């Protein structure tokens, strides 16, 4: 496009180089060699004199890391076996791979208590087909590495499957870097803060969280969900 614009304007390569404040031999090589590999600033310097520009625009397909609709995430989780409503809201073929679903569920779990309680069930039921390296990467991309570590540890505690706890270990450094605990759920009052101080499970404290949800709340949902399908 740059070469075509230059030619249509009747501008020589030397003149384009002069206007772009680049050496003529550099511009000549860029426009004639198939092996040229210019850096971004060089191209940007040459576009304007040729009447061209680069623009950021919206693409048709959403980025992989763009947050999914919360109701859709809950429907995906239900297809993974989480005790949530919505399993009939999507077709099984439309449900992403479990690593993506679980990664999307982590930030949602910090806003929706029902999702937080259901997440250990989904982790346990999908554990044998998970790519944990991918899951950890996707969680970190969403700023939820510590949250994943907490839920893996919690799932191990509730199920007795220590392999889940081992998968949490690569995330432990993120918890150790925290000098102060952070709120897992957004606080709406001073009363909620006091309750969080009282109810936070020991496992959540190890991962640097405070939460207004007791260990029994997670355990009761897990036992009920596992018993129903046993």
Protein backbone atom coordinates (compact mmCIF):
# COMPACT_ATOMS: atom_id res chain seq x y z
CA UNK A 1 0.00 0.00 0.00
CA UNK A 2 2.83 2.37 0.82
CA UNK A 3 4.59 1.73 -2.48
CA UNK A 4 1.34 2.11 -4.42
CA UNK A 5 0.53 5.41 -2.70
CA UNK A 6 4.04 6.73 -3.34
CA UNK A 7 3.89 5.86 -7.03
CA UNK A 8 0.41 7.34 -7.51
CA UNK A 9 1.65 10.62 -6.02
CA UNK A 10 4.65 10.68 -8.37
CA UNK A 11 6.96 10.77 -5.34
CA UNK A 12 10.41 9.24 -5.64
CA UNK A 13 11.75 6.87 -3.02
CA UNK A 14 14.41 9.44 -2.19
CA UNK A 15 11.77 12.13 -1.59
CA UNK A 16 9.73 9.77 0.59
CA UNK A 17 12.88 9.06 2.59
CA UNK A 18 13.58 12.78 2.96
CA UNK A 19 10.05 13.52 4.20
CA UNK A 20 10.17 10.55 6.55
CA UNK A 21 13.62 11.60 7.79
CA UNK A 22 15.11 8.21 6.97
CA UNK A 23 18.18 7.18 4.93
CA UNK A 24 17.29 6.70 1.22
CA UNK A 25 18.92 3.25 1.12
CA UNK A 26 16.74 2.13 4.04
CA UNK A 27 13.53 3.18 2.28
CA UNK A 28 14.68 1.67 -1.02
CA UNK A 29 15.36 -1.67 0.67
CA UNK A 30 12.02 -1.54 2.50
CA UNK A 31 10.04 -1.00 -0.69
CA UNK A 32 11.91 -3.44 -2.93
CA UNK A 33 13.07 -6.34 -0.75
CA UNK A 34 10.79 -9.24 0.17
CA UNK A 35 12.93 -9.84 3.26
CA UNK A 36 12.56 -6.35 4.74
CA UNK A 37 11.38 -6.42 8.34
CA UNK A 38 10.88 -2.79 9.44
CA UNK A 39 10.05 -1.78 12.99
CA UNK A 40 6.81 0.05 13.72
CA UNK A 41 8.25 3.56 14.10
CA UNK A 42 9.93 3.35 10.69
CA UNK A 43 6.67 2.48 8.98
CA UNK A 44 4.83 5.20 10.90
CA UNK A 45 7.40 7.77 9.75
CA UNK A 46 6.75 6.89 6.11
CA UNK A 47 2.96 6.62 6.14
CA UNK A 48 2.09 10.27 6.68
CA UNK A 49 4.14 11.65 3.73
CA UNK A 50 2.36 9.11 1.51
CA UNK A 51 -1.06 10.19 2.81
CA UNK A 52 -1.61 7.01 4.80
CA UNK A 53 -2.19 6.21 8.47
CA UNK A 54 -2.77 3.39 10.93
CA UNK A 55 -5.98 3.25 12.94
CA UNK A 56 -7.34 1.09 15.74
CA UNK A 57 -10.74 -0.39 14.98
CA UNK A 58 -13.13 -2.92 16.41
CA UNK A 59 -12.79 -6.45 15.05
CA UNK A 60 -15.76 -8.68 14.32
CA UNK A 61 -14.67 -11.49 16.66
CA UNK A 62 -14.35 -10.61 20.37
CA UNK A 63 -10.92 -10.98 21.94
CA UNK A 64 -10.45 -14.26 23.80
CA UNK A 65 -9.87 -12.44 27.07
CA UNK A 66 -12.87 -10.12 26.76
CA UNK A 67 -15.22 -10.82 29.69
CA UNK A 68 -18.15 -13.05 28.77
CA UNK A 69 -21.72 -12.31 29.76
CA UNK A 70 -22.25 -13.41 33.40
CA UNK A 71 -25.41 -15.39 32.63
CA UNK A 72 -23.59 -17.17 29.82
CA UNK A 73 -20.70 -18.05 32.14
CA UNK A 74 -23.15 -19.55 34.64
CA UNK A 75 -24.73 -21.60 31.85
CA UNK A 76 -21.29 -22.84 30.81
CA UNK A 77 -20.51 -23.75 34.42
CA UNK A 78 -23.76 -25.67 34.69
CA UNK A 79 -22.67 -27.75 31.69
CA UNK A 80 -19.46 -28.56 33.59
CA UNK A 81 -21.54 -29.92 36.43
CA UNK A 82 -21.73 -26.89 38.70
CA UNK A 83 -24.98 -26.73 40.70
CA UNK A 84 -26.25 -23.62 38.93
CA UNK A 85 -29.29 -22.87 36.82
CA UNK A 86 -28.78 -22.44 33.11
CA UNK A 87 -27.58 -25.80 31.75
CA UNK A 88 -30.22 -25.66 29.01
CA UNK A 89 -29.45 -22.05 28.03
CA UNK A 90 -26.66 -23.03 25.62
CA UNK A 91 -25.96 -25.97 23.35
CA UNK A 92 -23.17 -28.29 24.53
CA UNK A 93 -21.27 -27.65 21.28
CA UNK A 94 -21.21 -23.93 22.08
CA UNK A 95 -19.58 -24.34 25.49
CA UNK A 96 -15.87 -23.38 25.38
CA UNK A 97 -13.18 -25.67 26.69
CA UNK A 98 -13.32 -26.03 30.48
CA UNK A 99 -10.18 -23.97 31.11
CA UNK A 100 -11.82 -20.94 29.49
CA UNK A 101 -15.07 -21.47 31.39
CA UNK A 102 -13.32 -21.75 34.75
CA UNK A 103 -11.10 -18.75 34.03
CA UNK A 104 -14.15 -16.66 33.11
CA UNK A 105 -15.88 -17.83 36.28
CA UNK A 106 -13.12 -16.59 38.61
CA UNK A 107 -13.85 -12.84 38.40
CA UNK A 108 -17.58 -13.60 38.42
CA UNK A 109 -17.14 -15.66 41.60
CA UNK A 110 -15.83 -12.54 43.30
CA UNK A 111 -19.15 -10.80 42.60
CA UNK A 112 -21.64 -13.67 42.85
CA UNK A 113 -21.65 -15.81 46.01
CA UNK A 114 -23.55 -18.63 44.26
CA UNK A 115 -20.82 -18.91 41.63
CA UNK A 116 -18.13 -18.94 44.32
CA UNK A 117 -19.84 -21.82 46.16
CA UNK A 118 -20.34 -23.76 42.92
CA UNK A 119 -16.84 -23.34 41.53
CA UNK A 120 -15.19 -26.11 43.63
CA UNK A 121 -17.77 -28.55 42.26
CA UNK A 122 -16.95 -27.58 38.66
CA UNK A 123 -13.21 -27.86 39.32
CA UNK A 124 -13.61 -31.29 40.90
CA UNK A 125 -15.82 -32.66 38.12
CA UNK A 126 -13.51 -31.47 35.33
CA UNK A 127 -10.18 -32.17 37.05
CA UNK A 128 -9.25 -35.21 34.93
CA UNK A 129 -9.56 -33.33 31.64
CA UNK A 130 -8.07 -29.98 32.59
CA UNK A 131 -4.86 -28.55 31.19
CA UNK A 132 -3.74 -26.92 34.44
CA UNK A 133 -0.90 -24.98 32.83
CA UNK A 134 -3.42 -23.37 30.50
CA UNK A 135 -5.87 -22.76 33.32
CA UNK A 136 -3.22 -21.03 35.43
CA UNK A 137 -2.18 -18.86 32.49
CA UNK A 138 -5.74 -17.84 31.72
CA UNK A 139 -6.43 -17.06 35.38
CA UNK A 140 -3.34 -14.86 35.59
CA UNK A 141 -4.34 -13.04 32.42
CA UNK A 142 -7.53 -12.07 34.22
CA UNK A 143 -5.71 -11.04 37.38
CA UNK A 144 -7.16 -14.02 39.27
CA UNK A 145 -4.13 -16.22 39.99
CA UNK A 146 -4.63 -16.08 43.75
CA UNK A 147 -8.34 -16.78 43.39
CA UNK A 148 -7.60 -19.90 41.33
CA UNK A 149 -5.07 -21.05 43.90
CA UNK A 150 -7.64 -20.65 46.65
CA UNK A 151 -10.32 -22.59 44.77
CA UNK A 152 -7.91 -25.39 43.85
CA UNK A 153 -6.87 -25.74 47.49
CA UNK A 154 -10.49 -25.57 48.62
CA UNK A 155 -11.54 -28.21 46.08
CA UNK A 156 -8.75 -30.49 47.31
CA UNK A 157 -9.89 -30.03 50.91
CA UNK A 158 -13.54 -30.69 50.12
CA UNK A 159 -12.93 -33.70 47.87
CA UNK A 160 -9.83 -35.26 49.42
CA UNK A 161 -8.09 -35.16 46.03
CA UNK A 162 -4.63 -33.80 46.90
CA UNK A 163 -3.67 -33.58 43.23
CA UNK A 164 -5.74 -30.39 43.09
CA UNK A 165 -3.66 -28.90 45.90
CA UNK A 166 -0.48 -29.71 43.98
CA UNK A 167 -1.82 -27.80 40.99
CA UNK A 168 -2.27 -24.76 43.25
CA UNK A 169 1.39 -24.64 44.31
CA UNK A 170 2.72 -22.77 41.24
CA UNK A 171 0.38 -19.92 42.23
CA UNK A 172 1.48 -19.73 45.87
CA UNK A 173 4.12 -17.05 45.24
CA UNK A 174 1.35 -14.61 44.32
CA UNK A 175 -0.15 -15.03 47.77
CA UNK A 176 3.21 -14.65 49.50
CA UNK A 177 3.77 -11.31 47.78
CA UNK A 178 0.64 -9.90 49.41
CA UNK A 179 1.50 -7.87 52.50
CA UNK A 180 -2.16 -7.38 53.48
CA UNK A 181 -5.28 -9.46 52.92
CA UNK A 182 -7.78 -8.19 50.36
CA UNK A 183 -11.53 -8.56 50.29
CA UNK A 184 -12.71 -11.43 48.13
CA UNK A 185 -16.18 -9.90 47.73
CA UNK A 186 -16.79 -6.18 47.49
CA UNK A 187 -17.84 -4.82 50.87
CA UNK A 188 -21.06 -2.86 51.17
CA UNK A 189 -20.97 -2.00 54.87
CA UNK A 190 -18.89 -2.04 58.03
CA UNK A 191 -21.01 -4.95 59.24
CA UNK A 192 -19.93 -7.03 56.26
CA UNK A 193 -16.30 -6.25 57.08
CA UNK A 194 -16.76 -7.49 60.65
CA UNK A 195 -18.50 -10.64 59.41
CA UNK A 196 -15.69 -11.25 56.95
CA UNK A 197 -13.18 -11.10 59.78
CA UNK A 198 -15.17 -13.76 61.63
CA UNK A 199 -16.19 -16.07 58.76
CA UNK A 200 -13.14 -16.19 56.48
CA UNK A 201 -12.08 -19.83 55.99
CA UNK A 202 -8.50 -20.65 56.93
CA UNK A 203 -7.76 -21.57 53.32
CA UNK A 204 -8.87 -18.16 52.10
CA UNK A 205 -6.60 -16.47 54.63
CA UNK A 206 -3.64 -18.49 53.34
CA UNK A 207 -4.28 -17.02 49.91
CA UNK A 208 -4.57 -13.47 51.22
CA UNK A 209 -8.35 -13.08 51.18
CA UNK A 210 -11.08 -12.09 53.62
CA UNK A 211 -14.64 -13.11 52.80
CA UNK A 212 -18.06 -13.06 54.37
CA UNK A 213 -18.61 -16.75 53.62
CA UNK A 214 -17.78 -19.61 55.94
CA UNK A 215 -16.11 -22.92 55.14
CA UNK A 216 -19.40 -24.66 55.98
CA UNK A 217 -21.15 -22.75 53.20
CA UNK A 218 -18.74 -24.19 50.61
CA UNK A 219 -18.82 -27.66 52.20
CA UNK A 220 -22.61 -27.97 52.30
CA UNK A 221 -23.00 -27.19 48.59
CA UNK A 222 -20.14 -29.51 47.65
CA UNK A 223 -21.50 -32.44 49.67
CA UNK A 224 -24.99 -31.98 48.30
CA UNK A 225 -23.83 -31.71 44.67
CA UNK A 226 -21.56 -34.73 44.87
CA UNK A 227 -24.14 -36.82 46.69
CA UNK A 228 -26.84 -36.06 44.11
CA UNK A 229 -24.73 -37.50 41.29
CA UNK A 230 -23.05 -40.30 43.25
